[in-house]
Amino acid sequence: MTAVTAALATLEVQVTVTEQEPSVADRITAALDKLSDDAARELGLAEPGDGQEAAPADDQAAGKAGNGAGRAGLKAALFDVDGTLVDTNYLHTVAWWEAFARAGHDVPMASIHRAIGMGSDRLLDALLPADRDREADYTIKIAHSALYQVYWPQIRALPGAADLLRACHDAGLRVVLASSADPRELDVLREALDAEEAIDAATSAGDVDSSKPAPDLVHVALDQAGTSPAQTVFVGDSVWDARACQKAGVPCIGVLSGGTSREELLSAGAVAVYGDPAELLARFPASLQEAGSPSA
């Protein structure tokens, strides 16, 4: 059984196999035809107009307001998840690469990796020809989701990630996960983090109309935190995080753990750059105090 077939089986999709075994691309297409509306909504991939409702954000637990972590008036820390807290960027890269290949598109992995952090709609526009058959985009997204699910059992938090969230929470900051993952995927990421007691709120797919580098996700996360941009810092790993934060007026601290260089993050607007969550934690709370100051 191929990896794609196994992943689609977890979605309770039955693919008919005849004596002459169909191609993987045919199976994905057939699976898409059979995928129920409920399953599509669960994946966060329901097509516009099908009645999909925005996923409700997690209940906002009562967090301790305060500025004990450093920068005067700092009350909240917003965290991107993929590549920032959880080591998933290259898994996404491989899943997108194979999904593109199955659909007949030869896209270099290096190009895919540089687009990770965008929403899937923007990612496809950035990587695929403008004159492509756009009706196939939905099938490609389904394929990526199925392929990525194969890696779920192997997903791991980055070193220091959980303890960094706990340190922020213990310092009186509201901690918000600013993710555009679908609800089921976000559950997997939170399980890998294993720091539920430190997380006050989270965003997920359906909470925004426009994905990064648009500032919508940052605005929603600010609403979840109940703070202003001046009271908040964002931690992310991609240029798309930094650009979204610039538009929202929130200082962005970059981390190198997603595979983007220090120079690219600073050029995109990051105010400081650290190696990974462990380095941020080792220099906490100074690491958050430096928000708004040039990176060393």
C-alpha atoms as a PDB file:
ATOM      1  CA  MET A   1       0.000   0.000   0.000  1.00  0.00           C
ATOM      2  CA  THR A   2       1.477   3.370  -0.983  1.00  0.00           C
ATOM      3  CA  ALA A   3       1.923   6.222   1.494  1.00  0.00           C
ATOM      4  CA  VAL A   4      -0.811   8.244  -0.252  1.00  0.00           C
ATOM      5  CA  THR A   5      -3.271   5.317  -0.127  1.00  0.00           C
ATOM      6  CA  ALA A   6      -2.501   4.712   3.554  1.00  0.00           C
ATOM      7  CA  ALA A   7      -2.988   8.378   4.413  1.00  0.00           C
ATOM      8  CA  LEU A   8      -6.251   8.622   2.504  1.00  0.00           C
ATOM      9  CA  ALA A   9      -7.451   5.493   4.282  1.00  0.00           C
ATOM     10  CA  THR A  10      -7.243   7.409   7.552  1.00  0.00           C
ATOM     11  CA  LEU A  11      -9.796   9.785   6.069  1.00  0.00           C
ATOM     12  CA  GLU A  12     -12.094   6.797   5.533  1.00  0.00           C
ATOM     13  CA  VAL A  13     -11.893   7.224   1.779  1.00  0.00           C
ATOM     14  CA  GLN A  14     -12.176   4.084  -0.253  1.00  0.00           C
ATOM     15  CA  VAL A  15     -10.236   3.974  -3.524  1.00  0.00           C
ATOM     16  CA  THR A  16     -11.305   1.275  -5.960  1.00  0.00           C
ATOM     17  CA  VAL A  17      -8.405  -0.738  -7.289  1.00  0.00           C
ATOM     18  CA  THR A  18      -9.008  -2.557 -10.544  1.00  0.00           C
ATOM     19  CA  GLU A  19      -6.878  -5.274 -12.142  1.00  0.00           C
ATOM     20  CA  GLN A  20      -4.890  -2.546 -13.856  1.00  0.00           C
ATOM     21  CA  GLU A  21      -3.864  -0.450 -10.859  1.00  0.00           C
ATOM     22  CA  PRO A  22      -4.635   3.266 -11.409  1.00  0.00           C
ATOM     23  CA  SER A  23      -1.952   5.887 -10.963  1.00  0.00           C
ATOM     24  CA  VAL A  24      -1.533   7.693  -7.666  1.00  0.00           C
ATOM     25  CA  ALA A  25      -2.810  10.881  -9.299  1.00  0.00           C
ATOM     26  CA  ASP A  26      -5.953   8.994 -10.376  1.00  0.00           C
ATOM     27  CA  ARG A  27      -6.414   7.741  -6.818  1.00  0.00           C
ATOM     28  CA  ILE A  28      -6.137  11.252  -5.425  1.00  0.00           C
ATOM     29  CA  THR A  29      -8.708  12.490  -7.947  1.00  0.00           C
ATOM     30  CA  ALA A  30     -11.035   9.606  -7.127  1.00  0.00           C
ATOM     31  CA  ALA A  31     -10.581  10.225  -3.427  1.00  0.00           C
ATOM     32  CA  LEU A  32     -11.429  13.885  -3.884  1.00  0.00           C
ATOM     33  CA  ASP A  33     -14.653  12.915  -5.661  1.00  0.00           C
ATOM     34  CA  LYS A  34     -15.601  10.630  -2.778  1.00  0.00           C
ATOM     35  CA  LEU A  35     -14.455  12.868   0.068  1.00  0.00           C
ATOM     36  CA  SER A  36     -17.447  13.924   2.124  1.00  0.00           C
ATOM     37  CA  ASP A  37     -18.171  17.557   2.845  1.00  0.00           C
ATOM     38  CA  ASP A  38     -17.645  16.896   6.544  1.00  0.00           C
ATOM     39  CA  ALA A  39     -14.209  15.394   5.941  1.00  0.00           C
ATOM     40  CA  ALA A  40     -13.243  18.288   3.695  1.00  0.00           C
ATOM     41  CA  ARG A  41     -14.279  20.754   6.369  1.00  0.00           C
ATOM     42  CA  GLU A  42     -12.290  18.793   8.943  1.00  0.00           C
ATOM     43  CA  LEU A  43      -9.225  19.192   6.751  1.00  0.00           C
ATOM     44  CA  GLY A  44      -9.938  22.915   6.440  1.00  0.00           C
ATOM     45  CA  LEU A  45     -10.131  22.528   2.644  1.00  0.00           C
ATOM     46  CA  ALA A  46     -13.834  22.968   1.913  1.00  0.00           C
ATOM     47  CA  GLU A  47     -14.404  25.008  -1.228  1.00  0.00           C
ATOM     48  CA  PRO A  48     -15.839  28.533  -0.960  1.00  0.00           C
ATOM     49  CA  GLY A  49     -19.596  28.657  -0.754  1.00  0.00           C
ATOM     50  CA  ASP A  50     -20.113  25.195   0.732  1.00  0.00           C
ATOM     51  CA  GLY A  51     -21.211  26.517   4.107  1.00  0.00           C
ATOM     52  CA  GLN A  52     -17.895  26.092   5.873  1.00  0.00           C
ATOM     53  CA  GLU A  53     -17.839  28.024   9.120  1.00  0.00           C
ATOM     54  CA  ALA A  54     -14.793  29.552  10.679  1.00  0.00           C
ATOM     55  CA  ALA A  55     -13.247  27.267  13.269  1.00  0.00           C
ATOM     56  CA  PRO A  56     -13.855  28.621  16.748  1.00  0.00           C
ATOM     57  CA  ALA A  57     -10.732  29.748  18.509  1.00  0.00           C
ATOM     58  CA  ASP A  58      -9.735  28.056  21.726  1.00  0.00           C
ATOM     59  CA  ASP A  59     -11.319  29.515  24.854  1.00  0.00           C
ATOM     60  CA  GLN A  60      -9.181  32.293  26.239  1.00  0.00           C
ATOM     61  CA  ALA A  61      -7.952  31.115  29.600  1.00  0.00           C
ATOM     62  CA  ALA A  62      -7.516  33.856  32.161  1.00  0.00           C
ATOM     63  CA  GLY A  63      -3.852  34.784  31.926  1.00  0.00           C
ATOM     64  CA  LYS A  64      -1.865  36.975  34.226  1.00  0.00           C
ATOM     65  CA  ALA A  65      -1.509  40.452  32.765  1.00  0.00           C
ATOM     66  CA  GLY A  66       1.794  42.075  33.457  1.00  0.00           C
ATOM     67  CA  ASN A  67       5.109  43.221  32.079  1.00  0.00           C
ATOM     68  CA  GLY A  68       7.439  41.068  34.140  1.00  0.00           C
ATOM     69  CA  ALA A  69       9.093  39.627  31.024  1.00  0.00           C
ATOM     70  CA  GLY A  70      10.809  42.827  30.034  1.00  0.00           C
ATOM     71  CA  ARG A  71       9.867  45.495  27.470  1.00  0.00           C
ATOM     72  CA  ALA A  72       7.791  48.129  29.272  1.00  0.00           C
ATOM     73  CA  GLY A  73       4.118  47.314  28.839  1.00  0.00           C
ATOM     74  CA  LEU A  74       4.744  43.918  27.212  1.00  0.00           C
ATOM     75  CA  LYS A  75       1.708  41.753  27.941  1.00  0.00           C
ATOM     76  CA  ALA A  76       1.568  39.052  25.248  1.00  0.00           C
ATOM     77  CA  ALA A  77       3.745  36.787  23.132  1.00  0.00           C
ATOM     78  CA  LEU A  78       2.366  35.433  19.858  1.00  0.00           C
ATOM     79  CA  PHE A  79       4.032  32.376  18.346  1.00  0.00           C
ATOM     80  CA  ASP A  80       3.982  30.970  14.856  1.00  0.00           C
ATOM     81  CA  VAL A  81       4.013  27.158  15.176  1.00  0.00           C
ATOM     82  CA  ASP A  82       5.396  25.374  12.075  1.00  0.00           C
ATOM     83  CA  GLY A  83       9.158  25.869  11.940  1.00  0.00           C
ATOM     84  CA  THR A  84       9.101  28.101  15.022  1.00  0.00           C
ATOM     85  CA  LEU A  85       7.994  25.751  17.808  1.00  0.00           C
ATOM     86  CA  VAL A  86       7.620  22.458  15.940  1.00  0.00           C
ATOM     87  CA  ASP A  87      10.092  21.011  13.420  1.00  0.00           C
ATOM     88  CA  THR A  88       7.764  20.603  10.437  1.00  0.00           C
ATOM     89  CA  ASN A  89       8.910  22.906   7.626  1.00  0.00           C
ATOM     90  CA  TYR A  90      10.858  20.282   5.722  1.00  0.00           C
ATOM     91  CA  LEU A  91       8.070  17.727   6.159  1.00  0.00           C
ATOM     92  CA  HIS A  92       5.697  20.222   4.546  1.00  0.00           C
ATOM     93  CA  THR A  93       8.259  20.782   1.787  1.00  0.00           C
ATOM     94  CA  VAL A  94       8.448  17.081   0.937  1.00  0.00           C
ATOM     95  CA  ALA A  95       4.657  16.681   1.056  1.00  0.00           C
ATOM     96  CA  TRP A  96       4.094  19.634  -1.278  1.00  0.00           C
ATOM     97  CA  TRP A  97       6.856  18.397  -3.616  1.00  0.00           C
ATOM     98  CA  GLU A  98       5.232  15.002  -3.986  1.00  0.00           C
ATOM     99  CA  ALA A  99       1.733  16.476  -4.328  1.00  0.00           C
ATOM    100  CA  PHE A 100       2.981  18.730  -7.136  1.00  0.00           C
ATOM    101  CA  ALA A 101       4.781  15.842  -8.823  1.00  0.00           C
ATOM    102  CA  ARG A 102       1.656  13.657  -8.750  1.00  0.00           C
ATOM    103  CA  ALA A 103      -0.223  16.494 -10.445  1.00  0.00           C
ATOM    104  CA  GLY A 104       2.421  16.819 -13.143  1.00  0.00           C
ATOM    105  CA  HIS A 105       4.300  19.848 -11.797  1.00  0.00           C
ATOM    106  CA  ASP A 106       8.086  19.717 -11.372  1.00  0.00           C
ATOM    107  CA  VAL A 107       8.825  22.227  -8.589  1.00  0.00           C
ATOM    108  CA  PRO A 108      12.278  22.306  -6.930  1.00  0.00           C
ATOM    109  CA  MET A 109      12.205  21.650  -3.187  1.00  0.00           C
ATOM    110  CA  ALA A 110      14.297  24.764  -2.582  1.00  0.00           C
ATOM    111  CA  SER A 111      11.555  26.905  -4.115  1.00  0.00           C
ATOM    112  CA  ILE A 112       8.878  25.124  -2.083  1.00  0.00           C
ATOM    113  CA  HIS A 113      10.788  25.613   1.154  1.00  0.00           C
ATOM    114  CA  ARG A 114      11.093  29.359   0.573  1.00  0.00           C
ATOM    115  CA  ALA A 115       7.295  29.560   0.222  1.00  0.00           C
ATOM    116  CA  ILE A 116       6.517  27.623   3.418  1.00  0.00           C
ATOM    117  CA  GLY A 117       4.723  29.931   5.816  1.00  0.00           C
ATOM    118  CA  MET A 118       2.382  31.334   3.179  1.00  0.00           C
ATOM    119  CA  GLY A 119      -1.187  30.136   3.074  1.00  0.00           C
ATOM    120  CA  SER A 120      -1.744  27.283   0.625  1.00  0.00           C
ATOM    121  CA  ASP A 121      -3.598  29.558  -1.815  1.00  0.00           C
ATOM    122  CA  ARG A 122      -0.694  31.978  -2.018  1.00  0.00           C
ATOM    123  CA  LEU A 123       1.832  29.137  -2.079  1.00  0.00           C
ATOM    124  CA  LEU A 124       0.252  27.580  -5.166  1.00  0.00           C
ATOM    125  CA  ASP A 125       0.126  30.940  -6.935  1.00  0.00           C
ATOM    126  CA  ALA A 126       3.775  31.559  -6.081  1.00  0.00           C
ATOM    127  CA  LEU A 127       5.024  28.173  -7.280  1.00  0.00           C
ATOM    128  CA  LEU A 128       2.773  27.061 -10.151  1.00  0.00           C
ATOM    129  CA  PRO A 129       2.243  28.591 -13.612  1.00  0.00           C
ATOM    130  CA  ALA A 130      -0.383  31.313 -13.841  1.00  0.00           C
ATOM    131  CA  ASP A 131      -2.030  29.562 -16.801  1.00  0.00           C
ATOM    132  CA  ARG A 132      -2.419  26.211 -14.993  1.00  0.00           C
ATOM    133  CA  ASP A 133      -5.724  24.394 -14.592  1.00  0.00           C
ATOM    134  CA  ARG A 134      -6.809  25.992 -11.319  1.00  0.00           C
ATOM    135  CA  GLU A 135      -9.550  23.422 -10.822  1.00  0.00           C
ATOM    136  CA  ALA A 136      -6.726  20.995  -9.987  1.00  0.00           C
ATOM    137  CA  ASP A 137      -5.507  23.193  -7.092  1.00  0.00           C
ATOM    138  CA  TYR A 138      -8.045  21.683  -4.712  1.00  0.00           C
ATOM    139  CA  THR A 139      -6.839  18.175  -5.571  1.00  0.00           C
ATOM    140  CA  ILE A 140      -3.233  19.217  -4.919  1.00  0.00           C
ATOM    141  CA  LYS A 141      -4.199  20.579  -1.487  1.00  0.00           C
ATOM    142  CA  ILE A 142      -5.946  17.301  -0.647  1.00  0.00           C
ATOM    143  CA  ALA A 143      -2.846  15.383  -1.750  1.00  0.00           C
ATOM    144  CA  HIS A 144      -0.561  17.552   0.378  1.00  0.00           C
ATOM    145  CA  SER A 145      -2.777  17.049   3.429  1.00  0.00           C
ATOM    146  CA  ALA A 146      -2.849  13.284   2.934  1.00  0.00           C
ATOM    147  CA  LEU A 147       0.893  13.045   2.374  1.00  0.00           C
ATOM    148  CA  TYR A 148       1.685  15.282   5.338  1.00  0.00           C
ATOM    149  CA  GLN A 149      -0.456  13.171   7.656  1.00  0.00           C
ATOM    150  CA  VAL A 150       1.956  10.279   7.100  1.00  0.00           C
ATOM    151  CA  TYR A 151       4.504  12.262   9.140  1.00  0.00           C
ATOM    152  CA  TRP A 152       2.214  13.156  12.034  1.00  0.00           C
ATOM    153  CA  PRO A 153       3.503  10.398  14.355  1.00  0.00           C
ATOM    154  CA  GLN A 154       7.067  11.694  13.819  1.00  0.00           C
ATOM    155  CA  ILE A 155       6.423  15.372  14.499  1.00  0.00           C
ATOM    156  CA  ARG A 156       8.578  16.747  17.309  1.00  0.00           C
ATOM    157  CA  ALA A 157       8.774  20.056  19.151  1.00  0.00           C
ATOM    158  CA  LEU A 158      11.952  22.041  18.620  1.00  0.00           C
ATOM    159  CA  PRO A 159      14.428  22.142  21.536  1.00  0.00           C
ATOM    160  CA  GLY A 160      13.324  24.550  24.237  1.00  0.00           C
ATOM    161  CA  ALA A 161       9.941  25.283  22.633  1.00  0.00           C
ATOM    162  CA  ALA A 162       7.681  24.037  25.428  1.00  0.00           C
ATOM    163  CA  ASP A 163       9.833  25.554  28.177  1.00  0.00           C
ATOM    164  CA  LEU A 164       9.881  28.897  26.328  1.00  0.00           C
ATOM    165  CA  LEU A 165       6.070  28.950  26.313  1.00  0.00           C
ATOM    166  CA  ARG A 166       6.057  28.100  30.022  1.00  0.00           C
ATOM    167  CA  ALA A 167       8.599  30.832  30.787  1.00  0.00           C
ATOM    168  CA  CYS A 168       6.463  33.426  28.991  1.00  0.00           C
ATOM    169  CA  HIS A 169       3.335  32.264  30.807  1.00  0.00           C
ATOM    170  CA  ASP A 170       5.067  32.227  34.194  1.00  0.00           C
ATOM    171  CA  ALA A 171       6.338  35.770  33.532  1.00  0.00           C
ATOM    172  CA  GLY A 172       2.731  36.946  33.232  1.00  0.00           C
ATOM    173  CA  LEU A 173       2.466  37.115  29.447  1.00  0.00           C
ATOM    174  CA  ARG A 174      -0.536  35.853  27.532  1.00  0.00           C
ATOM    175  CA  VAL A 175       0.667  33.152  25.157  1.00  0.00           C
ATOM    176  CA  VAL A 176      -1.140  32.745  21.831  1.00  0.00           C
ATOM    177  CA  LEU A 177      -0.332  30.254  19.067  1.00  0.00           C
ATOM    178  CA  ALA A 178      -0.779  32.090  15.764  1.00  0.00           C
ATOM    179  CA  SER A 179      -1.362  29.135  13.439  1.00  0.00           C
ATOM    180  CA  SER A 180      -3.265  28.729  10.181  1.00  0.00           C
ATOM    181  CA  ALA A 181      -3.300  24.920  10.450  1.00  0.00           C
ATOM    182  CA  ASP A 182      -6.641  23.146  10.263  1.00  0.00           C
ATOM    183  CA  PRO A 183      -8.080  22.150  13.661  1.00  0.00           C
ATOM    184  CA  ARG A 184      -7.033  18.466  13.493  1.00  0.00           C
ATOM    185  CA  GLU A 185      -3.483  19.362  12.468  1.00  0.00           C
ATOM    186  CA  LEU A 186      -3.295  22.011  15.188  1.00  0.00           C
ATOM    187  CA  ASP A 187      -4.251  19.356  17.740  1.00  0.00           C
ATOM    188  CA  VAL A 188      -1.315  17.228  16.529  1.00  0.00           C
ATOM    189  CA  LEU A 189       1.069  20.179  16.801  1.00  0.00           C
ATOM    190  CA  ARG A 190      -0.148  21.031  20.303  1.00  0.00           C
ATOM    191  CA  GLU A 191       0.253  17.417  21.372  1.00  0.00           C
ATOM    192  CA  ALA A 192       3.844  17.490  20.110  1.00  0.00           C
ATOM    193  CA  LEU A 193       4.474  20.702  22.066  1.00  0.00           C
ATOM    194  CA  ASP A 194       3.026  19.243  25.286  1.00  0.00           C
ATOM    195  CA  ALA A 195       2.670  22.651  26.957  1.00  0.00           C
ATOM    196  CA  GLU A 196      -1.091  23.109  27.210  1.00  0.00           C
ATOM    197  CA  GLU A 197      -0.883  24.715  30.633  1.00  0.00           C
ATOM    198  CA  ALA A 198       1.131  27.582  29.122  1.00  0.00           C
ATOM    199  CA  ILE A 199      -1.115  28.302  26.122  1.00  0.00           C
ATOM    200  CA  ASP A 200      -3.888  30.856  26.607  1.00  0.00           C
ATOM    201  CA  ALA A 201      -5.370  30.801  23.093  1.00  0.00           C
ATOM    202  CA  ALA A 202      -4.730  29.723  19.506  1.00  0.00           C
ATOM    203  CA  THR A 203      -5.841  30.546  15.990  1.00  0.00           C
ATOM    204  CA  SER A 204      -6.547  27.994  13.266  1.00  0.00           C
ATOM    205  CA  ALA A 205      -7.734  27.713   9.666  1.00  0.00           C
ATOM    206  CA  GLY A 206     -10.958  29.580   9.034  1.00  0.00           C
ATOM    207  CA  ASP A 207     -10.124  32.414  11.423  1.00  0.00           C
ATOM    208  CA  VAL A 208      -8.853  34.654   8.610  1.00  0.00           C
ATOM    209  CA  ASP A 209      -9.810  35.507   5.044  1.00  0.00           C
ATOM    210  CA  SER A 210      -6.285  36.305   3.829  1.00  0.00           C
ATOM    211  CA  SER A 211      -3.190  34.325   4.744  1.00  0.00           C
ATOM    212  CA  LYS A 212       0.342  35.560   5.420  1.00  0.00           C
ATOM    213  CA  PRO A 213       2.006  37.822   4.397  1.00  0.00           C
ATOM    214  CA  ALA A 214      -1.319  39.632   4.897  1.00  0.00           C
ATOM    215  CA  PRO A 215      -1.594  40.796   8.531  1.00  0.00           C
ATOM    216  CA  ASP A 216      -4.995  39.169   9.185  1.00  0.00           C
ATOM    217  CA  LEU A 217      -3.627  36.281  11.275  1.00  0.00           C
ATOM    218  CA  VAL A 218      -1.613  38.666  13.455  1.00  0.00           C
ATOM    219  CA  HIS A 219      -4.699  40.822  13.992  1.00  0.00           C
ATOM    220  CA  VAL A 220      -6.765  37.788  15.051  1.00  0.00           C
ATOM    221  CA  ALA A 221      -4.004  36.658  17.420  1.00  0.00           C
ATOM    222  CA  LEU A 222      -3.930  40.151  18.935  1.00  0.00           C
ATOM    223  CA  ASP A 223      -7.673  39.911  19.503  1.00  0.00           C
ATOM    224  CA  GLN A 224      -7.156  36.532  21.157  1.00  0.00           C
ATOM    225  CA  ALA A 225      -4.503  38.044  23.425  1.00  0.00           C
ATOM    226  CA  GLY A 226      -6.578  41.128  24.182  1.00  0.00           C
ATOM    227  CA  THR A 227      -3.545  43.384  23.697  1.00  0.00           C
ATOM    228  CA  SER A 228      -2.403  46.173  21.410  1.00  0.00           C
ATOM    229  CA  PRO A 229       0.557  45.871  18.997  1.00  0.00           C
ATOM    230  CA  ALA A 230       2.652  48.002  21.387  1.00  0.00           C
ATOM    231  CA  GLN A 231       2.029  45.465  24.183  1.00  0.00           C
ATOM    232  CA  THR A 232       2.880  42.431  22.064  1.00  0.00           C
ATOM    233  CA  VAL A 233       5.772  40.576  20.466  1.00  0.00           C
ATOM    234  CA  PHE A 234       5.571  37.917  17.736  1.00  0.00           C
ATOM    235  CA  VAL A 235       8.025  35.038  17.258  1.00  0.00           C
ATOM    236  CA  GLY A 236       8.236  33.456  13.794  1.00  0.00           C
ATOM    237  CA  ASP A 237      10.588  31.678  11.424  1.00  0.00           C
ATOM    238  CA  SER A 238       9.695  32.986   7.962  1.00  0.00           C
ATOM    239  CA  VAL A 239       9.879  36.196   5.971  1.00  0.00           C
ATOM    240  CA  TRP A 240       6.079  35.919   5.683  1.00  0.00           C
ATOM    241  CA  ASP A 241       5.803  36.177   9.476  1.00  0.00           C
ATOM    242  CA  ALA A 242       8.026  39.259   9.533  1.00  0.00           C
ATOM    243  CA  ARG A 243       6.155  40.989   6.698  1.00  0.00           C
ATOM    244  CA  ALA A 244       2.757  40.261   8.239  1.00  0.00           C
ATOM    245  CA  CYS A 245       3.956  41.673  11.561  1.00  0.00           C
ATOM    246  CA  GLN A 246       5.284  44.808   9.913  1.00  0.00           C
ATOM    247  CA  LYS A 247       1.868  45.447   8.390  1.00  0.00           C
ATOM    248  CA  ALA A 248       0.197  44.835  11.760  1.00  0.00           C
ATOM    249  CA  GLY A 249       2.673  47.013  13.676  1.00  0.00           C
ATOM    250  CA  VAL A 250       3.862  44.150  15.915  1.00  0.00           C
ATOM    251  CA  PRO A 251       7.615  43.603  16.518  1.00  0.00           C
ATOM    252  CA  CYS A 252       8.715  40.231  15.122  1.00  0.00           C
ATOM    253  CA  ILE A 253      11.566  38.184  16.563  1.00  0.00           C
ATOM    254  CA  GLY A 254      12.885  35.703  14.014  1.00  0.00           C
ATOM    255  CA  VAL A 255      14.265  32.217  14.599  1.00  0.00           C
ATOM    256  CA  LEU A 256      16.489  30.252  12.234  1.00  0.00           C
ATOM    257  CA  SER A 257      14.894  26.883  13.038  1.00  0.00           C
ATOM    258  CA  GLY A 258      12.636  26.990   9.981  1.00  0.00           C
ATOM    259  CA  GLY A 259      15.552  27.225   7.562  1.00  0.00           C
ATOM    260  CA  THR A 260      15.394  30.909   6.604  1.00  0.00           C
ATOM    261  CA  SER A 261      18.618  32.897   6.954  1.00  0.00           C
ATOM    262  CA  ARG A 262      19.272  35.676   9.459  1.00  0.00           C
ATOM    263  CA  GLU A 263      19.798  38.179   6.634  1.00  0.00           C
ATOM    264  CA  GLU A 264      16.472  37.330   4.982  1.00  0.00           C
ATOM    265  CA  LEU A 265      14.565  37.628   8.253  1.00  0.00           C
ATOM    266  CA  LEU A 266      16.141  40.990   9.098  1.00  0.00           C
ATOM    267  CA  SER A 267      15.520  42.290   5.584  1.00  0.00           C
ATOM    268  CA  ALA A 268      11.870  41.276   5.872  1.00  0.00           C
ATOM    269  CA  GLY A 269      11.496  43.315   9.059  1.00  0.00           C
ATOM    270  CA  ALA A 270      12.483  41.075  11.989  1.00  0.00           C
ATOM    271  CA  VAL A 271      13.831  43.215  14.834  1.00  0.00           C
ATOM    272  CA  ALA A 272      16.041  40.462  16.286  1.00  0.00           C
ATOM    273  CA  VAL A 273      17.016  36.932  15.246  1.00  0.00           C
ATOM    274  CA  TYR A 274      17.872  33.872  17.374  1.00  0.00           C
ATOM    275  CA  GLY A 275      18.903  30.365  16.449  1.00  0.00           C
ATOM    276  CA  ASP A 276      15.895  28.525  17.855  1.00  0.00           C
ATOM    277  CA  PRO A 277      13.505  28.498  20.819  1.00  0.00           C
ATOM    278  CA  ALA A 278      16.263  27.124  23.047  1.00  0.00           C
ATOM    279  CA  GLU A 279      18.414  30.201  22.440  1.00  0.00           C
ATOM    280  CA  LEU A 280      15.447  32.497  23.056  1.00  0.00           C
ATOM    281  CA  LEU A 281      14.847  30.661  26.330  1.00  0.00           C
ATOM    282  CA  ALA A 282      18.510  30.799  27.361  1.00  0.00           C
ATOM    283  CA  ARG A 283      18.452  34.603  26.999  1.00  0.00           C
ATOM    284  CA  PHE A 284      14.951  35.066  28.424  1.00  0.00           C
ATOM    285  CA  PRO A 285      13.713  37.627  29.404  1.00  0.00           C
ATOM    286  CA  ALA A 286      16.355  39.738  27.617  1.00  0.00           C
ATOM    287  CA  SER A 287      15.383  38.066  24.338  1.00  0.00           C
ATOM    288  CA  LEU A 288      11.943  39.678  24.531  1.00  0.00           C
ATOM    289  CA  GLN A 289      13.337  42.942  25.883  1.00  0.00           C
ATOM    290  CA  GLU A 290      15.307  43.265  22.647  1.00  0.00           C
ATOM    291  CA  ALA A 291      12.137  43.443  20.572  1.00  0.00           C
ATOM    292  CA  GLY A 292      12.419  46.774  18.864  1.00  0.00           C
ATOM    293  CA  SER A 293      16.229  46.770  19.009  1.00  0.00           C
ATOM    294  CA  PRO A 294      18.599  45.713  16.210  1.00  0.00           C
ATOM    295  CA  SER A 295      19.747  42.081  16.165  1.00  0.00           C
ATOM    296  CA  ALA A 296      23.263  41.319  17.237  1.00  0.00           C
END
